[in-house]
């Protein structure tokens, strides 16, 4: 069953199947569910390579080459082109989806996904858990030398029980959704 799930997920990631499909493996009920119905609320996440045969295992699929393609899009002159031609001539969001860098997950899929909050957290986890490095030291904020770090964001300790992450948030605020990003929504002009 895991081989079937992996193959179908790979087909979705490379664009053979629609990115709007929901692929859910329910281990307890021994089911693999594929939902294609419209109206499912989905959100984008970066994908993490988990194939043991690939050299970038436990790294984001999104890398420098993808970033360079996106930066080249800024230099491409698309003035005078319609939306379809512009989309064909640039890499953009569709390119990220087709290369498997970004994947849309819906609520039921997220139940079985292991999502890390930031790429930095993924790097910390990889160093501590997979490469055996010691965890970063805890600071005593009452000491003068660490006082400047008091207002820095606190990071939770690395969870050593996590076997592998499957996805990474594009930005931590995206977990709240777009409605939470609107400031003072109950006041309009």
C-alpha atoms as a PDB file:
ATOM      1  CA  UNK A   1       0.000   0.000   0.000  1.00  0.00           C
ATOM      2  CA  UNK A   2       2.777   2.506   0.774  1.00  0.00           C
ATOM      3  CA  UNK A   3       4.180   1.962  -2.722  1.00  0.00           C
ATOM      4  CA  UNK A   4       0.795   2.816  -4.288  1.00  0.00           C
ATOM      5  CA  UNK A   5       0.468   5.945  -2.131  1.00  0.00           C
ATOM      6  CA  UNK A   6       3.998   7.060  -3.033  1.00  0.00           C
ATOM      7  CA  UNK A   7       3.423   6.479  -6.747  1.00  0.00           C
ATOM      8  CA  UNK A   8       0.126   8.384  -6.828  1.00  0.00           C
ATOM      9  CA  UNK A   9       1.629  11.250  -4.793  1.00  0.00           C
ATOM     10  CA  UNK A  10       4.532  11.417  -7.241  1.00  0.00           C
ATOM     11  CA  UNK A  11       2.061  11.581 -10.151  1.00  0.00           C
ATOM     12  CA  UNK A  12       0.292  14.479  -8.453  1.00  0.00           C
ATOM     13  CA  UNK A  13       3.570  16.262  -7.719  1.00  0.00           C
ATOM     14  CA  UNK A  14       4.866  16.055 -11.279  1.00  0.00           C
ATOM     15  CA  UNK A  15       1.615  17.341 -12.780  1.00  0.00           C
ATOM     16  CA  UNK A  16       0.290  14.112 -14.328  1.00  0.00           C
ATOM     17  CA  UNK A  17      -2.653  14.199 -11.913  1.00  0.00           C
ATOM     18  CA  UNK A  18      -4.406  17.391 -10.870  1.00  0.00           C
ATOM     19  CA  UNK A  19      -2.910  19.179  -7.885  1.00  0.00           C
ATOM     20  CA  UNK A  20      -6.464  19.670  -6.589  1.00  0.00           C
ATOM     21  CA  UNK A  21      -6.880  15.958  -5.797  1.00  0.00           C
ATOM     22  CA  UNK A  22      -6.824  14.862  -2.170  1.00  0.00           C
ATOM     23  CA  UNK A  23      -4.817  11.718  -1.442  1.00  0.00           C
ATOM     24  CA  UNK A  24      -5.433  10.300   2.020  1.00  0.00           C
ATOM     25  CA  UNK A  25      -3.939   7.115   3.437  1.00  0.00           C
ATOM     26  CA  UNK A  26      -5.859   5.902   6.461  1.00  0.00           C
ATOM     27  CA  UNK A  27      -3.620   3.313   8.101  1.00  0.00           C
ATOM     28  CA  UNK A  28      -6.100   2.297  10.820  1.00  0.00           C
ATOM     29  CA  UNK A  29      -8.904   1.526   8.345  1.00  0.00           C
ATOM     30  CA  UNK A  30      -6.426   0.218   5.733  1.00  0.00           C
ATOM     31  CA  UNK A  31      -7.832   2.583   3.092  1.00  0.00           C
ATOM     32  CA  UNK A  32      -6.376   4.873   0.469  1.00  0.00           C
ATOM     33  CA  UNK A  33      -8.883   7.603  -0.362  1.00  0.00           C
ATOM     34  CA  UNK A  34      -8.753   9.773  -3.478  1.00  0.00           C
ATOM     35  CA  UNK A  35     -11.092  12.765  -3.488  1.00  0.00           C
ATOM     36  CA  UNK A  36     -11.593  14.800  -6.651  1.00  0.00           C
ATOM     37  CA  UNK A  37     -14.732  16.704  -5.697  1.00  0.00           C
ATOM     38  CA  UNK A  38     -14.831  20.483  -5.891  1.00  0.00           C
ATOM     39  CA  UNK A  39     -15.111  22.779  -2.918  1.00  0.00           C
ATOM     40  CA  UNK A  40     -12.481  21.243  -0.669  1.00  0.00           C
ATOM     41  CA  UNK A  41     -10.543  23.906   1.232  1.00  0.00           C
ATOM     42  CA  UNK A  42      -6.858  23.483   0.448  1.00  0.00           C
ATOM     43  CA  UNK A  43      -3.709  25.394   1.308  1.00  0.00           C
ATOM     44  CA  UNK A  44      -0.222  25.361  -0.212  1.00  0.00           C
ATOM     45  CA  UNK A  45       2.827  23.969   1.572  1.00  0.00           C
ATOM     46  CA  UNK A  46       6.442  23.395   0.543  1.00  0.00           C
ATOM     47  CA  UNK A  47       7.231  19.708   0.055  1.00  0.00           C
ATOM     48  CA  UNK A  48      10.157  17.856   1.616  1.00  0.00           C
ATOM     49  CA  UNK A  49      11.952  15.042  -0.190  1.00  0.00           C
ATOM     50  CA  UNK A  50      11.623  11.752   1.700  1.00  0.00           C
ATOM     51  CA  UNK A  51      12.872   9.297  -0.929  1.00  0.00           C
ATOM     52  CA  UNK A  52      15.861   7.445   0.542  1.00  0.00           C
ATOM     53  CA  UNK A  53      17.376   7.035  -2.936  1.00  0.00           C
ATOM     54  CA  UNK A  54      17.648  10.789  -3.563  1.00  0.00           C
ATOM     55  CA  UNK A  55      20.620  12.830  -2.313  1.00  0.00           C
ATOM     56  CA  UNK A  56      18.446  15.694  -1.033  1.00  0.00           C
ATOM     57  CA  UNK A  57      16.493  13.517   1.394  1.00  0.00           C
ATOM     58  CA  UNK A  58      15.032  15.508   4.324  1.00  0.00           C
ATOM     59  CA  UNK A  59      15.563  18.783   2.407  1.00  0.00           C
ATOM     60  CA  UNK A  60      13.039  21.079   0.762  1.00  0.00           C
ATOM     61  CA  UNK A  61      12.447  20.278  -2.891  1.00  0.00           C
ATOM     62  CA  UNK A  62      12.424  24.043  -3.494  1.00  0.00           C
ATOM     63  CA  UNK A  63      16.064  25.016  -4.001  1.00  0.00           C
ATOM     64  CA  UNK A  64      18.312  27.633  -5.596  1.00  0.00           C
ATOM     65  CA  UNK A  65      17.521  26.596  -9.190  1.00  0.00           C
ATOM     66  CA  UNK A  66      13.805  27.135  -8.602  1.00  0.00           C
ATOM     67  CA  UNK A  67      14.518  30.509  -7.022  1.00  0.00           C
ATOM     68  CA  UNK A  68      16.655  31.512 -10.026  1.00  0.00           C
ATOM     69  CA  UNK A  69      13.813  30.563 -12.385  1.00  0.00           C
ATOM     70  CA  UNK A  70      11.437  32.771 -10.396  1.00  0.00           C
ATOM     71  CA  UNK A  71      13.926  35.648 -10.473  1.00  0.00           C
ATOM     72  CA  UNK A  72      14.299  35.252 -14.267  1.00  0.00           C
ATOM     73  CA  UNK A  73      10.515  35.628 -14.512  1.00  0.00           C
ATOM     74  CA  UNK A  74      10.874  39.163 -13.173  1.00  0.00           C
ATOM     75  CA  UNK A  75      13.227  40.018 -16.039  1.00  0.00           C
ATOM     76  CA  UNK A  76      10.983  38.469 -18.709  1.00  0.00           C
ATOM     77  CA  UNK A  77       8.989  41.046 -20.665  1.00  0.00           C
ATOM     78  CA  UNK A  78       5.392  39.829 -20.704  1.00  0.00           C
ATOM     79  CA  UNK A  79       3.752  43.112 -21.639  1.00  0.00           C
ATOM     80  CA  UNK A  80       1.236  42.707 -24.427  1.00  0.00           C
ATOM     81  CA  UNK A  81       0.720  38.994 -23.734  1.00  0.00           C
ATOM     82  CA  UNK A  82      -2.575  37.524 -22.669  1.00  0.00           C
ATOM     83  CA  UNK A  83      -2.768  35.501 -19.447  1.00  0.00           C
ATOM     84  CA  UNK A  84      -2.361  32.115 -21.151  1.00  0.00           C
ATOM     85  CA  UNK A  85       0.743  33.143 -23.128  1.00  0.00           C
ATOM     86  CA  UNK A  86       2.224  34.845 -20.062  1.00  0.00           C
ATOM     87  CA  UNK A  87       1.726  31.649 -18.056  1.00  0.00           C
ATOM     88  CA  UNK A  88       3.394  29.558 -20.780  1.00  0.00           C
ATOM     89  CA  UNK A  89       6.381  31.900 -21.032  1.00  0.00           C
ATOM     90  CA  UNK A  90       7.113  32.173 -17.306  1.00  0.00           C
ATOM     91  CA  UNK A  91       7.925  29.625 -14.607  1.00  0.00           C
ATOM     92  CA  UNK A  92       5.822  31.087 -11.786  1.00  0.00           C
ATOM     93  CA  UNK A  93       3.489  29.310  -9.406  1.00  0.00           C
ATOM     94  CA  UNK A  94       2.502  26.660 -11.967  1.00  0.00           C
ATOM     95  CA  UNK A  95       6.177  25.761 -12.396  1.00  0.00           C
ATOM     96  CA  UNK A  96       6.570  25.288  -8.648  1.00  0.00           C
ATOM     97  CA  UNK A  97       3.495  23.038  -8.625  1.00  0.00           C
ATOM     98  CA  UNK A  98       4.704  21.031 -11.638  1.00  0.00           C
ATOM     99  CA  UNK A  99       8.177  20.517 -10.147  1.00  0.00           C
ATOM    100  CA  UNK A 100       6.643  19.311  -6.880  1.00  0.00           C
ATOM    101  CA  UNK A 101       8.073  22.186  -4.803  1.00  0.00           C
ATOM    102  CA  UNK A 102       4.626  23.204  -3.594  1.00  0.00           C
ATOM    103  CA  UNK A 103       1.701  20.942  -2.864  1.00  0.00           C
ATOM    104  CA  UNK A 104      -1.881  21.741  -1.903  1.00  0.00           C
ATOM    105  CA  UNK A 105      -3.162  19.847   1.142  1.00  0.00           C
ATOM    106  CA  UNK A 106      -6.666  19.779   2.521  1.00  0.00           C
ATOM    107  CA  UNK A 107      -7.681  19.242   6.139  1.00  0.00           C
ATOM    108  CA  UNK A 108      -7.974  15.455   6.024  1.00  0.00           C
ATOM    109  CA  UNK A 109      -4.591  15.127   4.305  1.00  0.00           C
ATOM    110  CA  UNK A 110      -2.989  17.322   6.955  1.00  0.00           C
ATOM    111  CA  UNK A 111      -3.930  14.786   9.633  1.00  0.00           C
ATOM    112  CA  UNK A 112      -1.313  12.375   8.290  1.00  0.00           C
ATOM    113  CA  UNK A 113       1.254  14.999   7.231  1.00  0.00           C
ATOM    114  CA  UNK A 114       4.199  16.031   9.394  1.00  0.00           C
ATOM    115  CA  UNK A 115       4.515  19.784   8.872  1.00  0.00           C
ATOM    116  CA  UNK A 116       7.522  21.766  10.081  1.00  0.00           C
ATOM    117  CA  UNK A 117       6.986  25.475  10.714  1.00  0.00           C
ATOM    118  CA  UNK A 118      10.057  26.994   8.976  1.00  0.00           C
ATOM    119  CA  UNK A 119      13.005  25.803   6.858  1.00  0.00           C
ATOM    120  CA  UNK A 120      15.277  26.785   9.770  1.00  0.00           C
ATOM    121  CA  UNK A 121      13.373  24.390  12.040  1.00  0.00           C
ATOM    122  CA  UNK A 122      13.869  21.673   9.414  1.00  0.00           C
ATOM    123  CA  UNK A 123      17.625  22.363   9.387  1.00  0.00           C
ATOM    124  CA  UNK A 124      17.746  22.235  13.204  1.00  0.00           C
ATOM    125  CA  UNK A 125      15.841  18.934  13.235  1.00  0.00           C
ATOM    126  CA  UNK A 126      18.105  17.443  10.554  1.00  0.00           C
ATOM    127  CA  UNK A 127      21.255  18.450  12.452  1.00  0.00           C
ATOM    128  CA  UNK A 128      20.063  17.178  15.830  1.00  0.00           C
ATOM    129  CA  UNK A 129      18.171  14.026  14.865  1.00  0.00           C
ATOM    130  CA  UNK A 130      19.731  12.773  11.650  1.00  0.00           C
ATOM    131  CA  UNK A 131      23.319  13.979  12.025  1.00  0.00           C
ATOM    132  CA  UNK A 132      23.544  13.487  15.799  1.00  0.00           C
ATOM    133  CA  UNK A 133      24.631  17.013  16.701  1.00  0.00           C
ATOM    134  CA  UNK A 134      23.830  18.244  20.210  1.00  0.00           C
ATOM    135  CA  UNK A 135      20.867  20.530  20.718  1.00  0.00           C
ATOM    136  CA  UNK A 136      21.630  24.257  20.928  1.00  0.00           C
ATOM    137  CA  UNK A 137      22.292  25.420  24.461  1.00  0.00           C
ATOM    138  CA  UNK A 138      19.633  27.087  26.574  1.00  0.00           C
ATOM    139  CA  UNK A 139      20.385  30.678  27.545  1.00  0.00           C
ATOM    140  CA  UNK A 140      20.093  32.117  31.026  1.00  0.00           C
ATOM    141  CA  UNK A 141      18.425  35.423  30.179  1.00  0.00           C
ATOM    142  CA  UNK A 142      19.190  36.887  33.605  1.00  0.00           C
ATOM    143  CA  UNK A 143      22.872  37.062  32.647  1.00  0.00           C
ATOM    144  CA  UNK A 144      23.996  40.289  31.006  1.00  0.00           C
ATOM    145  CA  UNK A 145      25.548  38.601  27.952  1.00  0.00           C
ATOM    146  CA  UNK A 146      22.195  37.033  26.924  1.00  0.00           C
ATOM    147  CA  UNK A 147      19.943  39.986  27.775  1.00  0.00           C
ATOM    148  CA  UNK A 148      19.738  41.118  24.143  1.00  0.00           C
ATOM    149  CA  UNK A 149      18.140  37.754  23.269  1.00  0.00           C
ATOM    150  CA  UNK A 150      15.216  38.172  25.686  1.00  0.00           C
ATOM    151  CA  UNK A 151      12.924  39.591  23.013  1.00  0.00           C
ATOM    152  CA  UNK A 152      13.982  37.108  20.331  1.00  0.00           C
ATOM    153  CA  UNK A 153      11.302  34.582  19.367  1.00  0.00           C
ATOM    154  CA  UNK A 154      11.427  31.413  21.444  1.00  0.00           C
ATOM    155  CA  UNK A 155      11.906  28.167  19.570  1.00  0.00           C
ATOM    156  CA  UNK A 156      10.599  24.901  20.937  1.00  0.00           C
ATOM    157  CA  UNK A 157      13.150  22.141  21.485  1.00  0.00           C
ATOM    158  CA  UNK A 158      13.776  19.742  18.617  1.00  0.00           C
ATOM    159  CA  UNK A 159      11.415  16.775  18.808  1.00  0.00           C
ATOM    160  CA  UNK A 160      13.621  13.694  18.573  1.00  0.00           C
ATOM    161  CA  UNK A 161      10.612  11.397  18.155  1.00  0.00           C
ATOM    162  CA  UNK A 162       9.760  12.778  14.708  1.00  0.00           C
ATOM    163  CA  UNK A 163      10.890  10.286  12.086  1.00  0.00           C
ATOM    164  CA  UNK A 164      10.520  12.529   9.028  1.00  0.00           C
ATOM    165  CA  UNK A 165       8.773  15.725   8.002  1.00  0.00           C
ATOM    166  CA  UNK A 166       6.698  15.705   4.813  1.00  0.00           C
ATOM    167  CA  UNK A 167       5.886  19.407   4.363  1.00  0.00           C
ATOM    168  CA  UNK A 168       6.992  22.866   5.450  1.00  0.00           C
ATOM    169  CA  UNK A 169       4.931  26.022   5.931  1.00  0.00           C
ATOM    170  CA  UNK A 170       5.600  28.647   3.262  1.00  0.00           C
ATOM    171  CA  UNK A 171       5.255  31.265   6.009  1.00  0.00           C
ATOM    172  CA  UNK A 172       4.213  30.594   9.615  1.00  0.00           C
ATOM    173  CA  UNK A 173       1.323  33.076   9.349  1.00  0.00           C
ATOM    174  CA  UNK A 174      -0.245  31.010   6.549  1.00  0.00           C
ATOM    175  CA  UNK A 175      -1.419  28.437   9.080  1.00  0.00           C
ATOM    176  CA  UNK A 176      -3.975  31.026  10.209  1.00  0.00           C
ATOM    177  CA  UNK A 177      -5.369  31.643   6.729  1.00  0.00           C
ATOM    178  CA  UNK A 178      -5.913  34.808   4.769  1.00  0.00           C
ATOM    179  CA  UNK A 179      -8.801  36.028   6.911  1.00  0.00           C
ATOM    180  CA  UNK A 180      -6.558  36.172   9.974  1.00  0.00           C
ATOM    181  CA  UNK A 181      -4.128  38.406   8.059  1.00  0.00           C
ATOM    182  CA  UNK A 182      -6.694  41.156   7.546  1.00  0.00           C
ATOM    183  CA  UNK A 183      -6.188  43.774  10.202  1.00  0.00           C
ATOM    184  CA  UNK A 184      -9.304  45.150  11.907  1.00  0.00           C
ATOM    185  CA  UNK A 185     -11.783  43.239   9.692  1.00  0.00           C
ATOM    186  CA  UNK A 186     -14.848  44.507  11.530  1.00  0.00           C
ATOM    187  CA  UNK A 187     -14.067  48.143  10.662  1.00  0.00           C
ATOM    188  CA  UNK A 188     -14.705  49.199   7.086  1.00  0.00           C
ATOM    189  CA  UNK A 189     -15.025  52.593   5.463  1.00  0.00           C
END
